[in-house]
Amino acid sequence: FCPPLALAPIRLSLATALLFPVVLYKQGFIIPTAASFLPILGVATFSIYLHQITLSWGISQTSSTHASLILGLNPLLTTVLASSLMKERFSAAKALGILLGFSGVALVVSGGNTDASTLSGDAVMLVATITFALGSLFVKKSTATLSPLIVTAYSHGLASFGLLVTGGLVNTDWHYPGAFEPLPILVLLFSSFVNTALGALWWNTGIQQVGAATASLFLNATPVFGVFAAAIFLGESVNWSHFAALLLVITGVSFGTGLI
């Protein structure tokens, strides 16, 4: 549809356009206090603004295999930060869940192309992972006093403004030929309203309910389910390693959340 640092602000702006009317309808116009606004600013800065920039930059500079593996470190980083900064309990079950989940990520991306990987690209991907982990802690902090809906709407509004300014400075083109055909527009709207707006709202609600460390365990399912989605919608093949990876991730999440 368009360059990454053009797509991100467009997608986030559309998500904000959906979230704010819902906030006004359900909870009215709320002005956060200074104490509650700072964590929202942290969510917008780390979990969205910096994460989107470093993620777009890092993926373009390294291989998809390295990118997936480094992103798979998110539960470990989040759990360590949450236990040290937010005093969330770091149990042996969570450690086992992290190990199993990361093993699933490693298995599903094993055999991928690493020729395009670079040390600088890997470093940027690590920064992207750290910013998202820090943002999750700010989500936990902000949802202690405000609803996840307000936190999601306000943080997306702040981040989309910052990304629009940044995108305006670095992008010369904001779309590709054919970007305004029906299918790309439908994909953009679905990504904005469902993946971004509702996805972020559900994610922030999950962090409020179970904590950043436990919620982060579910991130390992992203590359695994992505493989199966590609098989269903794009006709790509799957093999035994993908099913084994799915089993590892599910088992890891089950241990980390206390289901097992």
Protein backbone atom coordinates (compact mmCIF):
# COMPACT_ATOMS: atom_id res chain seq x y z
CA PHE A 1 0.00 0.00 0.00
CA CYS A 2 2.70 2.52 0.98
CA PRO A 3 6.12 2.79 2.69
CA PRO A 4 6.23 1.52 6.30
CA LEU A 5 6.61 4.95 7.90
CA ALA A 6 3.68 6.14 5.83
CA LEU A 7 1.53 3.08 6.45
CA ALA A 8 1.99 3.16 10.23
CA PRO A 9 0.68 6.71 10.80
CA ILE A 10 -2.21 6.18 8.36
CA ARG A 11 -3.18 2.93 10.06
CA LEU A 12 -2.87 4.39 13.56
CA SER A 13 -4.78 7.54 12.60
CA LEU A 14 -7.66 5.44 11.28
CA ALA A 15 -7.59 3.36 14.47
CA THR A 16 -7.70 6.55 16.53
CA ALA A 17 -10.65 7.79 14.48
CA LEU A 18 -12.52 4.66 15.56
CA LEU A 19 -11.41 4.62 19.20
CA PHE A 20 -12.13 8.23 20.18
CA PRO A 21 -15.85 8.22 19.28
CA VAL A 22 -16.21 4.96 21.23
CA VAL A 23 -14.53 6.58 24.25
CA LEU A 24 -16.83 9.62 24.03
CA TYR A 25 -19.91 7.40 23.69
CA LYS A 26 -19.08 4.99 26.51
CA GLN A 27 -17.18 7.14 29.02
CA GLY A 28 -17.49 10.76 27.93
CA PHE A 29 -14.70 13.30 27.55
CA ILE A 30 -12.09 12.57 30.22
CA ILE A 31 -9.02 14.69 30.87
CA PRO A 32 -6.38 12.55 32.62
CA THR A 33 -4.49 14.01 35.54
CA ALA A 34 -0.77 14.66 35.14
CA ALA A 35 0.03 11.53 37.14
CA SER A 36 -2.16 9.31 34.93
CA PHE A 37 -1.17 11.04 31.68
CA LEU A 38 2.55 10.29 31.99
CA PRO A 39 2.10 6.49 31.77
CA ILE A 40 -0.14 6.99 28.71
CA LEU A 41 2.64 9.06 27.16
CA GLY A 42 4.99 6.16 27.96
CA VAL A 43 2.71 3.74 26.12
CA ALA A 44 2.52 6.04 23.11
CA THR A 45 6.28 6.65 23.05
CA PHE A 46 7.65 3.17 23.67
CA SER A 47 4.98 0.65 22.73
CA ILE A 48 3.81 2.44 19.57
CA TYR A 49 5.96 5.32 18.28
CA LEU A 50 9.49 4.02 18.87
CA HIS A 51 8.43 0.40 18.34
CA GLN A 52 6.90 1.15 14.92
CA ILE A 53 9.96 3.09 13.77
CA THR A 54 12.56 0.56 14.94
CA LEU A 55 10.46 -2.40 13.78
CA SER A 56 10.09 -0.97 10.26
CA TRP A 57 13.78 -0.09 10.12
CA GLY A 58 15.02 -3.36 11.61
CA ILE A 59 12.95 -5.65 9.39
CA SER A 60 14.31 -3.86 6.32
CA GLN A 61 17.90 -4.37 7.51
CA THR A 62 17.93 -8.01 8.59
CA SER A 63 16.44 -11.39 7.68
CA SER A 64 12.93 -12.41 8.66
CA THR A 65 14.44 -15.35 10.57
CA HIS A 66 16.60 -13.14 12.76
CA ALA A 67 13.75 -10.65 13.19
CA SER A 68 11.35 -13.38 14.39
CA LEU A 69 13.89 -14.85 16.80
CA ILE A 70 14.77 -11.49 18.32
CA LEU A 71 11.07 -10.60 18.70
CA GLY A 72 10.69 -13.99 20.37
CA LEU A 73 12.84 -12.64 23.22
CA ASN A 74 10.00 -10.28 24.18
CA PRO A 75 8.50 -12.54 26.89
CA LEU A 76 11.90 -12.95 28.55
CA LEU A 77 12.66 -9.22 28.47
CA THR A 78 9.16 -8.30 29.62
CA THR A 79 9.23 -10.80 32.48
CA VAL A 80 12.65 -9.63 33.68
CA LEU A 81 11.60 -5.97 33.52
CA ALA A 82 8.21 -6.64 35.12
CA SER A 83 9.75 -8.61 37.98
CA SER A 84 12.43 -6.00 38.65
CA LEU A 85 10.47 -2.79 38.06
CA MET A 86 6.83 -3.75 38.67
CA LYS A 87 7.44 -6.48 41.27
CA GLU A 88 5.53 -9.09 39.27
CA ARG A 89 6.35 -12.62 40.40
CA PHE A 90 8.87 -14.49 38.25
CA SER A 91 8.05 -18.14 38.85
CA ALA A 92 9.67 -21.32 37.59
CA ALA A 93 6.50 -21.99 35.56
CA LYS A 94 6.91 -18.68 33.74
CA ALA A 95 10.57 -19.46 33.06
CA LEU A 96 9.57 -22.83 31.60
CA GLY A 97 6.84 -21.16 29.55
CA ILE A 98 9.33 -18.66 28.13
CA LEU A 99 11.78 -21.45 27.25
CA LEU A 100 9.13 -23.58 25.53
CA GLY A 101 7.64 -20.62 23.69
CA PHE A 102 10.99 -19.40 22.41
CA SER A 103 11.82 -22.96 21.33
CA GLY A 104 8.62 -22.92 19.28
CA VAL A 105 9.59 -19.64 17.64
CA ALA A 106 13.09 -20.96 16.89
CA LEU A 107 11.63 -24.12 15.38
CA VAL A 108 9.11 -22.36 13.16
CA VAL A 109 11.73 -20.00 11.69
CA SER A 110 14.53 -22.56 11.45
CA GLY A 111 15.62 -23.05 7.89
CA GLY A 112 14.67 -19.49 6.97
CA ASN A 113 16.92 -17.29 4.90
CA THR A 114 19.58 -15.55 6.99
CA ASP A 115 21.59 -14.20 4.05
CA ALA A 116 19.95 -10.79 4.41
CA SER A 117 20.80 -10.46 8.10
CA THR A 118 23.13 -7.73 9.35
CA LEU A 119 24.48 -6.96 12.81
CA SER A 120 23.07 -3.43 12.68
CA GLY A 121 19.65 -4.75 11.63
CA ASP A 122 19.69 -7.28 14.47
CA ALA A 123 20.60 -4.50 16.91
CA VAL A 124 17.67 -2.36 15.74
CA MET A 125 15.31 -5.35 16.10
CA LEU A 126 16.55 -5.79 19.67
CA VAL A 127 15.76 -2.13 20.34
CA ALA A 128 12.28 -2.69 18.87
CA THR A 129 11.77 -5.61 21.24
CA ILE A 130 12.96 -3.61 24.25
CA THR A 131 10.71 -0.65 23.44
CA PHE A 132 7.65 -2.90 23.23
CA ALA A 133 8.56 -4.59 26.52
CA LEU A 134 8.91 -1.20 28.22
CA GLY A 135 5.64 -0.07 26.69
CA SER A 136 3.89 -3.09 28.20
CA LEU A 137 4.98 -1.94 31.66
CA PHE A 138 3.52 1.50 30.99
CA VAL A 139 0.27 -0.17 29.92
CA LYS A 140 0.12 -1.98 33.26
CA LYS A 141 0.83 1.27 35.10
CA SER A 142 -1.69 3.37 33.17
CA THR A 143 -4.55 0.84 33.32
CA ALA A 144 -4.27 0.81 37.11
CA THR A 145 -6.11 4.15 37.19
CA LEU A 146 -7.78 4.41 33.76
CA SER A 147 -9.75 1.99 31.60
CA PRO A 148 -7.90 0.14 28.81
CA LEU A 149 -10.20 1.86 26.30
CA ILE A 150 -9.05 5.33 27.37
CA VAL A 151 -5.39 4.27 27.51
CA THR A 152 -5.61 2.70 24.04
CA ALA A 153 -7.39 5.67 22.43
CA TYR A 154 -5.22 8.39 23.95
CA SER A 155 -1.92 6.58 23.37
CA HIS A 156 -2.85 5.89 19.74
CA GLY A 157 -3.80 9.52 19.25
CA LEU A 158 -0.45 10.74 20.58
CA ALA A 159 1.56 8.15 18.66
CA SER A 160 -0.26 8.70 15.37
CA PHE A 161 0.46 12.44 15.59
CA GLY A 162 4.15 11.76 16.21
CA LEU A 163 4.33 9.24 13.38
CA LEU A 164 2.54 11.59 10.98
CA VAL A 165 5.15 14.28 11.69
CA THR A 166 8.00 11.77 11.35
CA GLY A 167 6.53 10.24 8.21
CA GLY A 168 6.13 13.69 6.69
CA LEU A 169 9.83 14.36 7.24
CA VAL A 170 11.21 11.07 5.87
CA ASN A 171 8.73 9.98 3.18
CA THR A 172 8.63 11.45 -0.28
CA ASP A 173 5.93 9.04 -1.49
CA TRP A 174 2.92 8.00 0.59
CA HIS A 175 1.46 5.35 -1.69
CA TYR A 176 2.25 2.94 -4.49
CA PRO A 177 0.47 2.61 -7.85
CA GLY A 178 -2.77 0.73 -7.35
CA ALA A 179 -2.97 1.59 -3.65
CA PHE A 180 -6.47 3.04 -3.99
CA GLU A 181 -8.02 -0.04 -5.55
CA PRO A 182 -10.74 -1.79 -3.49
CA LEU A 183 -8.63 -4.67 -2.14
CA PRO A 184 -5.75 -2.58 -0.72
CA ILE A 185 -8.25 -0.18 0.82
CA LEU A 186 -10.17 -3.06 2.44
CA VAL A 187 -6.93 -4.54 3.77
CA LEU A 188 -5.92 -1.16 5.20
CA LEU A 189 -9.30 -0.66 6.89
CA PHE A 190 -9.30 -4.16 8.34
CA SER A 191 -5.73 -3.72 9.60
CA SER A 192 -6.60 -0.34 11.13
CA PHE A 193 -9.92 -1.14 12.78
CA VAL A 194 -9.48 -4.80 13.74
CA ASN A 195 -5.76 -5.54 14.02
CA THR A 196 -4.71 -2.15 15.38
CA ALA A 197 -7.68 -0.65 17.26
CA LEU A 198 -9.38 -3.77 18.62
CA GLY A 199 -6.12 -5.74 18.86
CA ALA A 200 -4.46 -3.04 20.96
CA LEU A 201 -7.56 -2.68 23.12
CA TRP A 202 -7.69 -6.41 23.83
CA TRP A 203 -3.93 -6.53 24.43
CA ASN A 204 -4.06 -3.64 26.92
CA THR A 205 -7.03 -5.24 28.65
CA GLY A 206 -5.10 -8.49 28.91
CA ILE A 207 -2.12 -6.73 30.49
CA GLN A 208 -4.45 -5.05 32.98
CA GLN A 209 -5.97 -8.41 33.94
CA VAL A 210 -2.96 -10.77 34.06
CA GLY A 211 0.13 -8.53 34.04
CA ALA A 212 2.74 -7.72 31.42
CA ALA A 213 4.87 -10.83 32.01
CA THR A 214 2.04 -13.34 31.59
CA ALA A 215 0.52 -11.48 28.62
CA SER A 216 3.88 -11.43 26.83
CA LEU A 217 3.90 -15.25 26.69
CA PHE A 218 1.16 -15.11 24.06
CA LEU A 219 3.42 -13.12 21.70
CA ASN A 220 5.27 -16.31 20.82
CA ALA A 221 2.11 -17.51 19.09
CA THR A 222 2.37 -14.74 16.49
CA PRO A 223 4.94 -16.27 14.09
CA VAL A 224 3.46 -19.75 14.57
CA PHE A 225 -0.10 -18.75 13.74
CA GLY A 226 1.29 -16.59 10.95
CA VAL A 227 2.60 -19.73 9.28
CA PHE A 228 -0.79 -21.42 9.44
CA ALA A 229 -2.56 -18.25 8.26
CA ALA A 230 -0.19 -18.14 5.28
CA ALA A 231 -1.09 -21.77 4.53
CA ILE A 232 -4.82 -21.03 4.64
CA PHE A 233 -4.91 -17.70 2.81
CA LEU A 234 -1.78 -17.82 0.63
CA GLY A 235 -1.50 -21.53 -0.08
CA GLU A 236 1.94 -21.87 1.50
CA SER A 237 3.00 -25.32 2.74
CA VAL A 238 3.34 -26.46 6.34
CA ASN A 239 5.31 -29.40 7.71
CA TRP A 240 5.82 -31.31 10.94
CA SER A 241 8.05 -28.61 12.46
CA HIS A 242 5.23 -26.07 12.31
CA PHE A 243 2.87 -28.37 14.21
CA ALA A 244 5.63 -29.13 16.73
CA ALA A 245 6.23 -25.38 17.15
CA LEU A 246 2.51 -24.82 17.73
CA LEU A 247 2.53 -27.53 20.42
CA LEU A 248 5.57 -25.97 22.11
CA VAL A 249 4.01 -22.50 22.15
CA ILE A 250 0.67 -23.75 23.49
CA THR A 251 2.44 -25.79 26.16
CA GLY A 252 4.63 -22.83 27.10
CA VAL A 253 1.64 -20.50 27.42
CA SER A 254 -0.19 -23.14 29.47
CA PHE A 255 2.71 -23.44 31.92
CA GLY A 256 3.32 -19.70 32.13
CA THR A 257 -0.32 -18.81 32.76
CA GLY A 258 -0.86 -21.59 35.31
CA LEU A 259 -3.25 -23.59 33.14
CA ILE A 260 -0.83 -26.52 33.64
